[in-house]
């Protein structure tokens, strides 16, 4: 009551702060929001596409490698290759490529496995570098926009000599929107990059184990010939 009476006595009018939704505030970030928005769309697209592709290689058809090993030991190489290709997985493609060289020396088969494994890993990591780039660049763009905004604010102050809190704070909160957006996009891209890399690492470990077991079966096949 005392404060209200004081305001009435001094003739001051308390004005309501205009309400704005988050989208209106976001649009005040400026032109640098455009590349940040494009980076966010790019990172979401790459993460979604890689998630679907990698999940296919991560999802294991139970018993397929045991079947391939059994068929290889018994000399039914064409059937083993069909089972391997039917998995539509990275490891299956590697073993299918090795089975095409089944009559070659064991060292050549092992070399084929190594070459095909690198190719399959490269396919799994396709465009993943863009997620890493986005995680680094998006926060930088946000900070850059904020710095440009602060420079503009101080330039306006030097030109108009207007040091009012309203002028400074309004400009600052608008430009700090860029920092927040850049950090958000960077965090999402960073998390997505490492999440997918963790999947790929587990696929590679399983690929090494299955290829090792397959080579043992191939040695047994060649020993029987």
C-alpha atoms as a PDB file:
ATOM      1  CA  UNK A   1       0.000   0.000   0.000  1.00  0.00           C
ATOM      2  CA  UNK A   2       2.798   2.423   0.813  1.00  0.00           C
ATOM      3  CA  UNK A   3       4.473   1.844  -2.529  1.00  0.00           C
ATOM      4  CA  UNK A   4       1.181   2.245  -4.403  1.00  0.00           C
ATOM      5  CA  UNK A   5       0.433   5.504  -2.578  1.00  0.00           C
ATOM      6  CA  UNK A   6       3.929   6.780  -3.304  1.00  0.00           C
ATOM      7  CA  UNK A   7       3.512   6.108  -7.020  1.00  0.00           C
ATOM      8  CA  UNK A   8       0.185   7.889  -7.082  1.00  0.00           C
ATOM      9  CA  UNK A   9       1.601  10.882  -5.241  1.00  0.00           C
ATOM     10  CA  UNK A  10       4.580  11.252  -7.536  1.00  0.00           C
ATOM     11  CA  UNK A  11       2.410  10.823 -10.629  1.00  0.00           C
ATOM     12  CA  UNK A  12       4.350   7.833 -11.869  1.00  0.00           C
ATOM     13  CA  UNK A  13       2.482   5.291 -14.010  1.00  0.00           C
ATOM     14  CA  UNK A  14       3.380   1.650 -13.832  1.00  0.00           C
ATOM     15  CA  UNK A  15       3.250   0.248 -17.342  1.00  0.00           C
ATOM     16  CA  UNK A  16       2.719  -3.435 -17.962  1.00  0.00           C
ATOM     17  CA  UNK A  17       5.568  -5.162 -19.742  1.00  0.00           C
ATOM     18  CA  UNK A  18       4.336  -6.318 -23.158  1.00  0.00           C
ATOM     19  CA  UNK A  19       4.173 -10.075 -23.360  1.00  0.00           C
ATOM     20  CA  UNK A  20       5.904 -11.860 -26.224  1.00  0.00           C
ATOM     21  CA  UNK A  21       5.903 -15.506 -27.149  1.00  0.00           C
ATOM     22  CA  UNK A  22       9.116 -17.473 -27.616  1.00  0.00           C
ATOM     23  CA  UNK A  23       8.907 -17.341 -31.410  1.00  0.00           C
ATOM     24  CA  UNK A  24       8.706 -13.529 -31.445  1.00  0.00           C
ATOM     25  CA  UNK A  25      11.716 -13.337 -29.128  1.00  0.00           C
ATOM     26  CA  UNK A  26      13.598 -15.831 -31.276  1.00  0.00           C
ATOM     27  CA  UNK A  27      13.097 -13.760 -34.425  1.00  0.00           C
ATOM     28  CA  UNK A  28      14.870 -10.845 -32.768  1.00  0.00           C
ATOM     29  CA  UNK A  29      18.142 -12.742 -32.989  1.00  0.00           C
ATOM     30  CA  UNK A  30      18.931 -11.287 -36.390  1.00  0.00           C
ATOM     31  CA  UNK A  31      20.404 -12.534 -39.661  1.00  0.00           C
ATOM     32  CA  UNK A  32      22.922 -14.931 -38.070  1.00  0.00           C
ATOM     33  CA  UNK A  33      19.958 -17.028 -36.932  1.00  0.00           C
ATOM     34  CA  UNK A  34      19.629 -18.178 -40.560  1.00  0.00           C
ATOM     35  CA  UNK A  35      22.896 -20.200 -40.732  1.00  0.00           C
ATOM     36  CA  UNK A  36      22.258 -21.517 -37.206  1.00  0.00           C
ATOM     37  CA  UNK A  37      18.782 -22.671 -38.288  1.00  0.00           C
ATOM     38  CA  UNK A  38      20.245 -24.293 -41.421  1.00  0.00           C
ATOM     39  CA  UNK A  39      22.831 -26.115 -39.306  1.00  0.00           C
ATOM     40  CA  UNK A  40      20.090 -27.383 -36.995  1.00  0.00           C
ATOM     41  CA  UNK A  41      18.088 -28.740 -39.946  1.00  0.00           C
ATOM     42  CA  UNK A  42      21.228 -30.355 -41.389  1.00  0.00           C
ATOM     43  CA  UNK A  43      22.180 -32.008 -38.096  1.00  0.00           C
ATOM     44  CA  UNK A  44      18.651 -33.342 -37.518  1.00  0.00           C
ATOM     45  CA  UNK A  45      18.532 -34.774 -41.052  1.00  0.00           C
ATOM     46  CA  UNK A  46      21.959 -36.431 -40.792  1.00  0.00           C
ATOM     47  CA  UNK A  47      21.240 -37.851 -37.329  1.00  0.00           C
ATOM     48  CA  UNK A  48      17.896 -39.305 -38.447  1.00  0.00           C
ATOM     49  CA  UNK A  49      19.314 -40.792 -41.661  1.00  0.00           C
ATOM     50  CA  UNK A  50      22.371 -42.265 -39.905  1.00  0.00           C
ATOM     51  CA  UNK A  51      20.238 -43.560 -37.018  1.00  0.00           C
ATOM     52  CA  UNK A  52      18.086 -45.577 -39.425  1.00  0.00           C
ATOM     53  CA  UNK A  53      21.095 -46.843 -41.414  1.00  0.00           C
ATOM     54  CA  UNK A  54      23.230 -47.784 -38.405  1.00  0.00           C
ATOM     55  CA  UNK A  55      20.327 -49.419 -36.582  1.00  0.00           C
ATOM     56  CA  UNK A  56      19.996 -51.845 -39.478  1.00  0.00           C
ATOM     57  CA  UNK A  57      23.604 -52.938 -38.976  1.00  0.00           C
ATOM     58  CA  UNK A  58      23.267 -52.973 -35.203  1.00  0.00           C
ATOM     59  CA  UNK A  59      20.156 -55.154 -35.171  1.00  0.00           C
ATOM     60  CA  UNK A  60      21.431 -58.728 -35.223  1.00  0.00           C
ATOM     61  CA  UNK A  61      19.616 -61.659 -36.793  1.00  0.00           C
ATOM     62  CA  UNK A  62      20.192 -64.368 -34.219  1.00  0.00           C
ATOM     63  CA  UNK A  63      22.135 -67.391 -35.353  1.00  0.00           C
ATOM     64  CA  UNK A  64      23.188 -66.135 -38.777  1.00  0.00           C
ATOM     65  CA  UNK A  65      26.936 -66.142 -38.101  1.00  0.00           C
ATOM     66  CA  UNK A  66      26.741 -69.655 -36.614  1.00  0.00           C
ATOM     67  CA  UNK A  67      24.935 -70.797 -39.750  1.00  0.00           C
ATOM     68  CA  UNK A  68      27.528 -69.182 -42.015  1.00  0.00           C
ATOM     69  CA  UNK A  69      30.359 -70.832 -40.065  1.00  0.00           C
ATOM     70  CA  UNK A  70      28.660 -74.235 -40.224  1.00  0.00           C
ATOM     71  CA  UNK A  71      28.060 -73.959 -43.988  1.00  0.00           C
ATOM     72  CA  UNK A  72      31.652 -72.804 -44.555  1.00  0.00           C
ATOM     73  CA  UNK A  73      33.119 -75.739 -42.634  1.00  0.00           C
ATOM     74  CA  UNK A  74      30.992 -78.159 -44.667  1.00  0.00           C
ATOM     75  CA  UNK A  75      32.082 -76.561 -47.952  1.00  0.00           C
ATOM     76  CA  UNK A  76      28.682 -75.098 -48.887  1.00  0.00           C
ATOM     77  CA  UNK A  77      30.190 -71.694 -49.671  1.00  0.00           C
ATOM     78  CA  UNK A  78      27.496 -70.367 -52.001  1.00  0.00           C
ATOM     79  CA  UNK A  79      24.814 -70.981 -49.382  1.00  0.00           C
ATOM     80  CA  UNK A  80      27.002 -69.343 -46.753  1.00  0.00           C
ATOM     81  CA  UNK A  81      27.420 -66.260 -48.975  1.00  0.00           C
ATOM     82  CA  UNK A  82      23.649 -66.047 -49.503  1.00  0.00           C
ATOM     83  CA  UNK A  83      23.026 -66.161 -45.742  1.00  0.00           C
ATOM     84  CA  UNK A  84      25.673 -63.470 -45.145  1.00  0.00           C
ATOM     85  CA  UNK A  85      24.259 -61.153 -47.811  1.00  0.00           C
ATOM     86  CA  UNK A  86      20.727 -61.788 -46.560  1.00  0.00           C
ATOM     87  CA  UNK A  87      21.547 -60.135 -43.236  1.00  0.00           C
ATOM     88  CA  UNK A  88      21.941 -56.741 -44.963  1.00  0.00           C
ATOM     89  CA  UNK A  89      24.457 -55.887 -42.262  1.00  0.00           C
ATOM     90  CA  UNK A  90      28.008 -54.581 -42.380  1.00  0.00           C
ATOM     91  CA  UNK A  91      29.502 -57.799 -41.015  1.00  0.00           C
ATOM     92  CA  UNK A  92      27.473 -59.902 -43.461  1.00  0.00           C
ATOM     93  CA  UNK A  93      28.785 -57.838 -46.385  1.00  0.00           C
ATOM     94  CA  UNK A  94      32.363 -58.322 -45.195  1.00  0.00           C
ATOM     95  CA  UNK A  95      32.007 -62.101 -44.907  1.00  0.00           C
ATOM     96  CA  UNK A  96      30.199 -62.316 -48.257  1.00  0.00           C
ATOM     97  CA  UNK A  97      33.118 -60.486 -49.901  1.00  0.00           C
ATOM     98  CA  UNK A  98      35.554 -62.919 -48.261  1.00  0.00           C
ATOM     99  CA  UNK A  99      33.557 -65.936 -49.470  1.00  0.00           C
ATOM    100  CA  UNK A 100      33.958 -64.746 -53.048  1.00  0.00           C
ATOM    101  CA  UNK A 101      37.703 -65.307 -52.569  1.00  0.00           C
ATOM    102  CA  UNK A 102      37.219 -68.669 -50.829  1.00  0.00           C
ATOM    103  CA  UNK A 103      39.553 -70.505 -53.224  1.00  0.00           C
ATOM    104  CA  UNK A 104      42.337 -67.948 -52.776  1.00  0.00           C
ATOM    105  CA  UNK A 105      45.104 -68.337 -50.164  1.00  0.00           C
ATOM    106  CA  UNK A 106      44.077 -67.602 -46.585  1.00  0.00           C
ATOM    107  CA  UNK A 107      46.279 -64.492 -46.474  1.00  0.00           C
ATOM    108  CA  UNK A 108      44.420 -63.024 -49.453  1.00  0.00           C
ATOM    109  CA  UNK A 109      41.060 -63.791 -47.810  1.00  0.00           C
ATOM    110  CA  UNK A 110      42.209 -62.034 -44.646  1.00  0.00           C
ATOM    111  CA  UNK A 111      43.324 -59.028 -46.678  1.00  0.00           C
ATOM    112  CA  UNK A 112      39.914 -58.940 -48.378  1.00  0.00           C
ATOM    113  CA  UNK A 113      38.236 -58.911 -44.957  1.00  0.00           C
ATOM    114  CA  UNK A 114      40.397 -55.981 -43.826  1.00  0.00           C
ATOM    115  CA  UNK A 115      39.714 -53.949 -46.979  1.00  0.00           C
ATOM    116  CA  UNK A 116      35.966 -54.632 -46.956  1.00  0.00           C
ATOM    117  CA  UNK A 117      35.770 -53.895 -43.204  1.00  0.00           C
ATOM    118  CA  UNK A 118      37.280 -50.441 -43.778  1.00  0.00           C
ATOM    119  CA  UNK A 119      34.767 -49.823 -46.560  1.00  0.00           C
ATOM    120  CA  UNK A 120      31.822 -50.869 -44.398  1.00  0.00           C
ATOM    121  CA  UNK A 121      33.006 -48.692 -41.505  1.00  0.00           C
ATOM    122  CA  UNK A 122      33.367 -45.779 -43.936  1.00  0.00           C
ATOM    123  CA  UNK A 123      29.767 -46.358 -45.076  1.00  0.00           C
ATOM    124  CA  UNK A 124      28.579 -46.371 -41.459  1.00  0.00           C
ATOM    125  CA  UNK A 125      30.380 -43.076 -40.764  1.00  0.00           C
ATOM    126  CA  UNK A 126      29.142 -41.411 -43.973  1.00  0.00           C
ATOM    127  CA  UNK A 127      28.463 -37.663 -43.371  1.00  0.00           C
ATOM    128  CA  UNK A 128      29.039 -38.084 -39.624  1.00  0.00           C
ATOM    129  CA  UNK A 129      31.735 -35.397 -39.833  1.00  0.00           C
ATOM    130  CA  UNK A 130      29.034 -32.810 -40.515  1.00  0.00           C
ATOM    131  CA  UNK A 131      27.572 -33.468 -37.074  1.00  0.00           C
ATOM    132  CA  UNK A 132      30.995 -32.841 -35.548  1.00  0.00           C
ATOM    133  CA  UNK A 133      31.408 -29.644 -37.585  1.00  0.00           C
ATOM    134  CA  UNK A 134      27.959 -28.415 -36.528  1.00  0.00           C
ATOM    135  CA  UNK A 135      28.774 -29.089 -32.869  1.00  0.00           C
ATOM    136  CA  UNK A 136      31.799 -26.788 -33.222  1.00  0.00           C
ATOM    137  CA  UNK A 137      30.511 -24.066 -35.539  1.00  0.00           C
ATOM    138  CA  UNK A 138      26.980 -23.429 -34.227  1.00  0.00           C
ATOM    139  CA  UNK A 139      28.101 -22.105 -30.783  1.00  0.00           C
ATOM    140  CA  UNK A 140      30.762 -19.978 -32.493  1.00  0.00           C
ATOM    141  CA  UNK A 141      28.153 -18.423 -34.779  1.00  0.00           C
ATOM    142  CA  UNK A 142      25.999 -17.693 -31.735  1.00  0.00           C
ATOM    143  CA  UNK A 143      28.853 -15.974 -29.907  1.00  0.00           C
ATOM    144  CA  UNK A 144      29.824 -14.095 -33.064  1.00  0.00           C
ATOM    145  CA  UNK A 145      26.286 -12.735 -33.437  1.00  0.00           C
ATOM    146  CA  UNK A 146      26.246 -11.657 -29.796  1.00  0.00           C
ATOM    147  CA  UNK A 147      29.585  -9.855 -30.188  1.00  0.00           C
ATOM    148  CA  UNK A 148      28.363  -8.071 -33.318  1.00  0.00           C
ATOM    149  CA  UNK A 149      25.252  -7.045 -31.391  1.00  0.00           C
ATOM    150  CA  UNK A 150      27.284  -5.657 -28.476  1.00  0.00           C
ATOM    151  CA  UNK A 151      29.480  -3.713 -30.920  1.00  0.00           C
ATOM    152  CA  UNK A 152      26.352  -2.247 -32.495  1.00  0.00           C
ATOM    153  CA  UNK A 153      24.948  -1.272 -29.088  1.00  0.00           C
ATOM    154  CA  UNK A 154      28.107   0.566 -28.043  1.00  0.00           C
ATOM    155  CA  UNK A 155      28.341   2.227 -31.443  1.00  0.00           C
ATOM    156  CA  UNK A 156      24.780   3.520 -31.018  1.00  0.00           C
ATOM    157  CA  UNK A 157      25.633   4.757 -27.506  1.00  0.00           C
ATOM    158  CA  UNK A 158      28.682   6.621 -28.792  1.00  0.00           C
ATOM    159  CA  UNK A 159      26.635   8.172 -31.592  1.00  0.00           C
ATOM    160  CA  UNK A 160      23.538   9.146 -29.572  1.00  0.00           C
ATOM    161  CA  UNK A 161      25.043   9.400 -26.065  1.00  0.00           C
ATOM    162  CA  UNK A 162      21.973   7.514 -24.818  1.00  0.00           C
ATOM    163  CA  UNK A 163      23.011   5.422 -21.803  1.00  0.00           C
ATOM    164  CA  UNK A 164      19.535   4.370 -20.751  1.00  0.00           C
ATOM    165  CA  UNK A 165      19.145   0.898 -19.286  1.00  0.00           C
ATOM    166  CA  UNK A 166      16.299   0.177 -21.696  1.00  0.00           C
ATOM    167  CA  UNK A 167      18.469   0.752 -24.754  1.00  0.00           C
ATOM    168  CA  UNK A 168      21.341  -1.397 -23.489  1.00  0.00           C
ATOM    169  CA  UNK A 169      19.323  -4.277 -22.006  1.00  0.00           C
ATOM    170  CA  UNK A 170      16.962  -4.573 -24.988  1.00  0.00           C
ATOM    171  CA  UNK A 171      19.873  -4.870 -27.388  1.00  0.00           C
ATOM    172  CA  UNK A 172      21.724  -7.321 -25.190  1.00  0.00           C
ATOM    173  CA  UNK A 173      18.866  -9.757 -24.657  1.00  0.00           C
ATOM    174  CA  UNK A 174      18.100  -9.763 -28.368  1.00  0.00           C
ATOM    175  CA  UNK A 175      21.687 -10.616 -29.273  1.00  0.00           C
ATOM    176  CA  UNK A 176      22.169 -13.181 -26.504  1.00  0.00           C
ATOM    177  CA  UNK A 177      19.364 -15.146 -28.148  1.00  0.00           C
ATOM    178  CA  UNK A 178      21.964 -16.050 -30.774  1.00  0.00           C
ATOM    179  CA  UNK A 179      24.303 -17.486 -28.147  1.00  0.00           C
ATOM    180  CA  UNK A 180      21.498 -19.582 -26.670  1.00  0.00           C
ATOM    181  CA  UNK A 181      20.413 -20.912 -30.083  1.00  0.00           C
ATOM    182  CA  UNK A 182      23.973 -21.651 -31.140  1.00  0.00           C
ATOM    183  CA  UNK A 183      24.690 -23.531 -27.918  1.00  0.00           C
ATOM    184  CA  UNK A 184      21.448 -25.518 -28.195  1.00  0.00           C
ATOM    185  CA  UNK A 185      22.160 -26.613 -31.775  1.00  0.00           C
ATOM    186  CA  UNK A 186      25.775 -27.416 -30.859  1.00  0.00           C
ATOM    187  CA  UNK A 187      24.767 -29.523 -27.855  1.00  0.00           C
ATOM    188  CA  UNK A 188      22.247 -31.531 -29.895  1.00  0.00           C
ATOM    189  CA  UNK A 189      24.778 -32.144 -32.693  1.00  0.00           C
ATOM    190  CA  UNK A 190      27.513 -33.066 -30.187  1.00  0.00           C
ATOM    191  CA  UNK A 191      25.267 -35.541 -28.361  1.00  0.00           C
ATOM    192  CA  UNK A 192      24.035 -37.077 -31.632  1.00  0.00           C
ATOM    193  CA  UNK A 193      27.583 -37.440 -32.979  1.00  0.00           C
ATOM    194  CA  UNK A 194      28.854 -39.313 -29.935  1.00  0.00           C
ATOM    195  CA  UNK A 195      25.696 -41.410 -29.618  1.00  0.00           C
ATOM    196  CA  UNK A 196      26.055 -42.688 -33.187  1.00  0.00           C
ATOM    197  CA  UNK A 197      29.814 -43.173 -32.785  1.00  0.00           C
ATOM    198  CA  UNK A 198      29.152 -45.384 -29.770  1.00  0.00           C
ATOM    199  CA  UNK A 199      26.880 -47.552 -31.903  1.00  0.00           C
ATOM    200  CA  UNK A 200      29.504 -47.800 -34.648  1.00  0.00           C
ATOM    201  CA  UNK A 201      32.201 -48.787 -32.139  1.00  0.00           C
ATOM    202  CA  UNK A 202      30.046 -51.670 -30.891  1.00  0.00           C
ATOM    203  CA  UNK A 203      29.378 -52.796 -34.484  1.00  0.00           C
ATOM    204  CA  UNK A 204      33.114 -52.772 -35.253  1.00  0.00           C
ATOM    205  CA  UNK A 205      33.908 -54.855 -32.147  1.00  0.00           C
ATOM    206  CA  UNK A 206      31.268 -57.405 -33.126  1.00  0.00           C
ATOM    207  CA  UNK A 207      32.544 -57.380 -36.722  1.00  0.00           C
ATOM    208  CA  UNK A 208      36.081 -58.207 -35.582  1.00  0.00           C
ATOM    209  CA  UNK A 209      34.819 -61.094 -33.439  1.00  0.00           C
ATOM    210  CA  UNK A 210      32.601 -62.584 -36.155  1.00  0.00           C
ATOM    211  CA  UNK A 211      35.286 -62.262 -38.835  1.00  0.00           C
ATOM    212  CA  UNK A 212      37.787 -63.974 -36.551  1.00  0.00           C
ATOM    213  CA  UNK A 213      35.371 -66.898 -36.077  1.00  0.00           C
ATOM    214  CA  UNK A 214      34.755 -67.010 -39.830  1.00  0.00           C
ATOM    215  CA  UNK A 215      38.483 -67.187 -40.559  1.00  0.00           C
ATOM    216  CA  UNK A 216      38.765 -70.156 -38.190  1.00  0.00           C
ATOM    217  CA  UNK A 217      35.996 -71.888 -40.134  1.00  0.00           C
ATOM    218  CA  UNK A 218      37.754 -71.086 -43.413  1.00  0.00           C
ATOM    219  CA  UNK A 219      40.981 -72.625 -42.099  1.00  0.00           C
ATOM    220  CA  UNK A 220      39.065 -75.800 -41.231  1.00  0.00           C
ATOM    221  CA  UNK A 221      37.520 -75.868 -44.715  1.00  0.00           C
ATOM    222  CA  UNK A 222      40.894 -75.522 -46.399  1.00  0.00           C
ATOM    223  CA  UNK A 223      42.467 -78.146 -44.120  1.00  0.00           C
ATOM    224  CA  UNK A 224      39.868 -80.699 -45.288  1.00  0.00           C
ATOM    225  CA  UNK A 225      40.563 -80.103 -48.984  1.00  0.00           C
END
